[in-house]
Amino acid sequence: MDVLTTTELMTGFLSVLGTGILFLMVTSRAPKQLHDEIARRVERSIALLDTFEESRSR
């Protein structure tokens, strides 16, 4: 049975750590992008409603 050398063990550990950090960055970014898109759509809807109200009151 082969035993991992220190170099192989450290390489594996750093690979798992890097993958975990990358996964956390990707999953935490998605909700922000979704939130930003929802905010943009709400702003557009409010602007459209304001335009409609202005043209209706004339």
C-alpha atoms as a PDB file:
ATOM      1  CA  MET A   1       0.000   0.000   0.000  1.00  0.00           C
ATOM      2  CA  ASP A   2       1.500   3.300  -1.064  1.00  0.00           C
ATOM      3  CA  VAL A   3       1.535   6.228   1.303  1.00  0.00           C
ATOM      4  CA  LEU A   4       1.074   9.730  -0.034  1.00  0.00           C
ATOM      5  CA  THR A   5       4.092  11.951   0.196  1.00  0.00           C
ATOM      6  CA  THR A   6       3.847  15.318   1.892  1.00  0.00           C
ATOM      7  CA  THR A   7       3.938  17.082  -1.475  1.00  0.00           C
ATOM      8  CA  GLU A   8       1.057  15.026  -2.854  1.00  0.00           C
ATOM      9  CA  LEU A   9      -0.953  15.539   0.326  1.00  0.00           C
ATOM     10  CA  MET A  10      -0.413  19.318   0.260  1.00  0.00           C
ATOM     11  CA  THR A  11      -1.276  19.473  -3.457  1.00  0.00           C
ATOM     12  CA  GLY A  12      -4.517  17.601  -2.847  1.00  0.00           C
ATOM     13  CA  PHE A  13      -5.383  19.770   0.138  1.00  0.00           C
ATOM     14  CA  LEU A  14      -4.755  23.003  -1.778  1.00  0.00           C
ATOM     15  CA  SER A  15      -6.802  21.712  -4.726  1.00  0.00           C
ATOM     16  CA  VAL A  16      -9.761  20.944  -2.471  1.00  0.00           C
ATOM     17  CA  LEU A  17      -9.391  24.293  -0.709  1.00  0.00           C
ATOM     18  CA  GLY A  18      -9.228  26.206  -4.011  1.00  0.00           C
ATOM     19  CA  THR A  19     -12.247  24.369  -5.365  1.00  0.00           C
ATOM     20  CA  GLY A  20     -14.203  25.152  -2.204  1.00  0.00           C
ATOM     21  CA  ILE A  21     -13.348  28.839  -2.352  1.00  0.00           C
ATOM     22  CA  LEU A  22     -14.275  28.998  -6.032  1.00  0.00           C
ATOM     23  CA  PHE A  23     -17.583  27.232  -5.332  1.00  0.00           C
ATOM     24  CA  LEU A  24     -18.403  29.687  -2.539  1.00  0.00           C
ATOM     25  CA  MET A  25     -17.605  32.671  -4.767  1.00  0.00           C
ATOM     26  CA  VAL A  26     -19.834  31.403  -7.551  1.00  0.00           C
ATOM     27  CA  THR A  27     -22.773  30.535  -5.322  1.00  0.00           C
ATOM     28  CA  SER A  28     -22.640  33.794  -3.407  1.00  0.00           C
ATOM     29  CA  ARG A  29     -22.479  35.867  -6.581  1.00  0.00           C
ATOM     30  CA  ALA A  30     -25.624  34.495  -8.206  1.00  0.00           C
ATOM     31  CA  PRO A  31     -28.141  35.885  -5.705  1.00  0.00           C
ATOM     32  CA  LYS A  32     -26.601  39.359  -6.024  1.00  0.00           C
ATOM     33  CA  GLN A  33     -26.957  39.276  -9.792  1.00  0.00           C
ATOM     34  CA  LEU A  34     -30.528  38.060  -9.435  1.00  0.00           C
ATOM     35  CA  HIS A  35     -31.258  40.804  -6.907  1.00  0.00           C
ATOM     36  CA  ASP A  36     -29.774  43.439  -9.233  1.00  0.00           C
ATOM     37  CA  GLU A  37     -31.865  42.198 -12.154  1.00  0.00           C
ATOM     38  CA  ILE A  38     -35.043  42.270 -10.065  1.00  0.00           C
ATOM     39  CA  ALA A  39     -34.208  45.811  -8.884  1.00  0.00           C
ATOM     40  CA  ARG A  40     -33.691  46.973 -12.490  1.00  0.00           C
ATOM     41  CA  ARG A  41     -37.026  45.503 -13.560  1.00  0.00           C
ATOM     42  CA  VAL A  42     -38.839  47.120 -10.639  1.00  0.00           C
ATOM     43  CA  GLU A  43     -37.279  50.492 -11.485  1.00  0.00           C
ATOM     44  CA  ARG A  44     -38.367  50.135 -15.122  1.00  0.00           C
ATOM     45  CA  SER A  45     -41.884  49.176 -14.053  1.00  0.00           C
ATOM     46  CA  ILE A  46     -42.148  52.178 -11.728  1.00  0.00           C
ATOM     47  CA  ALA A  47     -40.874  54.499 -14.461  1.00  0.00           C
ATOM     48  CA  LEU A  48     -43.416  53.056 -16.896  1.00  0.00           C
ATOM     49  CA  LEU A  49     -46.243  53.483 -14.387  1.00  0.00           C
ATOM     50  CA  ASP A  50     -45.161  57.068 -13.705  1.00  0.00           C
ATOM     51  CA  THR A  51     -45.172  57.801 -17.437  1.00  0.00           C
ATOM     52  CA  PHE A  52     -48.613  56.241 -17.766  1.00  0.00           C
ATOM     53  CA  GLU A  53     -49.967  58.290 -14.841  1.00  0.00           C
ATOM     54  CA  GLU A  54     -48.524  61.535 -16.267  1.00  0.00           C
ATOM     55  CA  SER A  55     -50.034  60.938 -19.695  1.00  0.00           C
ATOM     56  CA  ARG A  56     -53.375  59.969 -18.154  1.00  0.00           C
ATOM     57  CA  SER A  57     -53.602  63.080 -15.977  1.00  0.00           C
ATOM     58  CA  ARG A  58     -53.119  65.451 -18.957  1.00  0.00           C
END
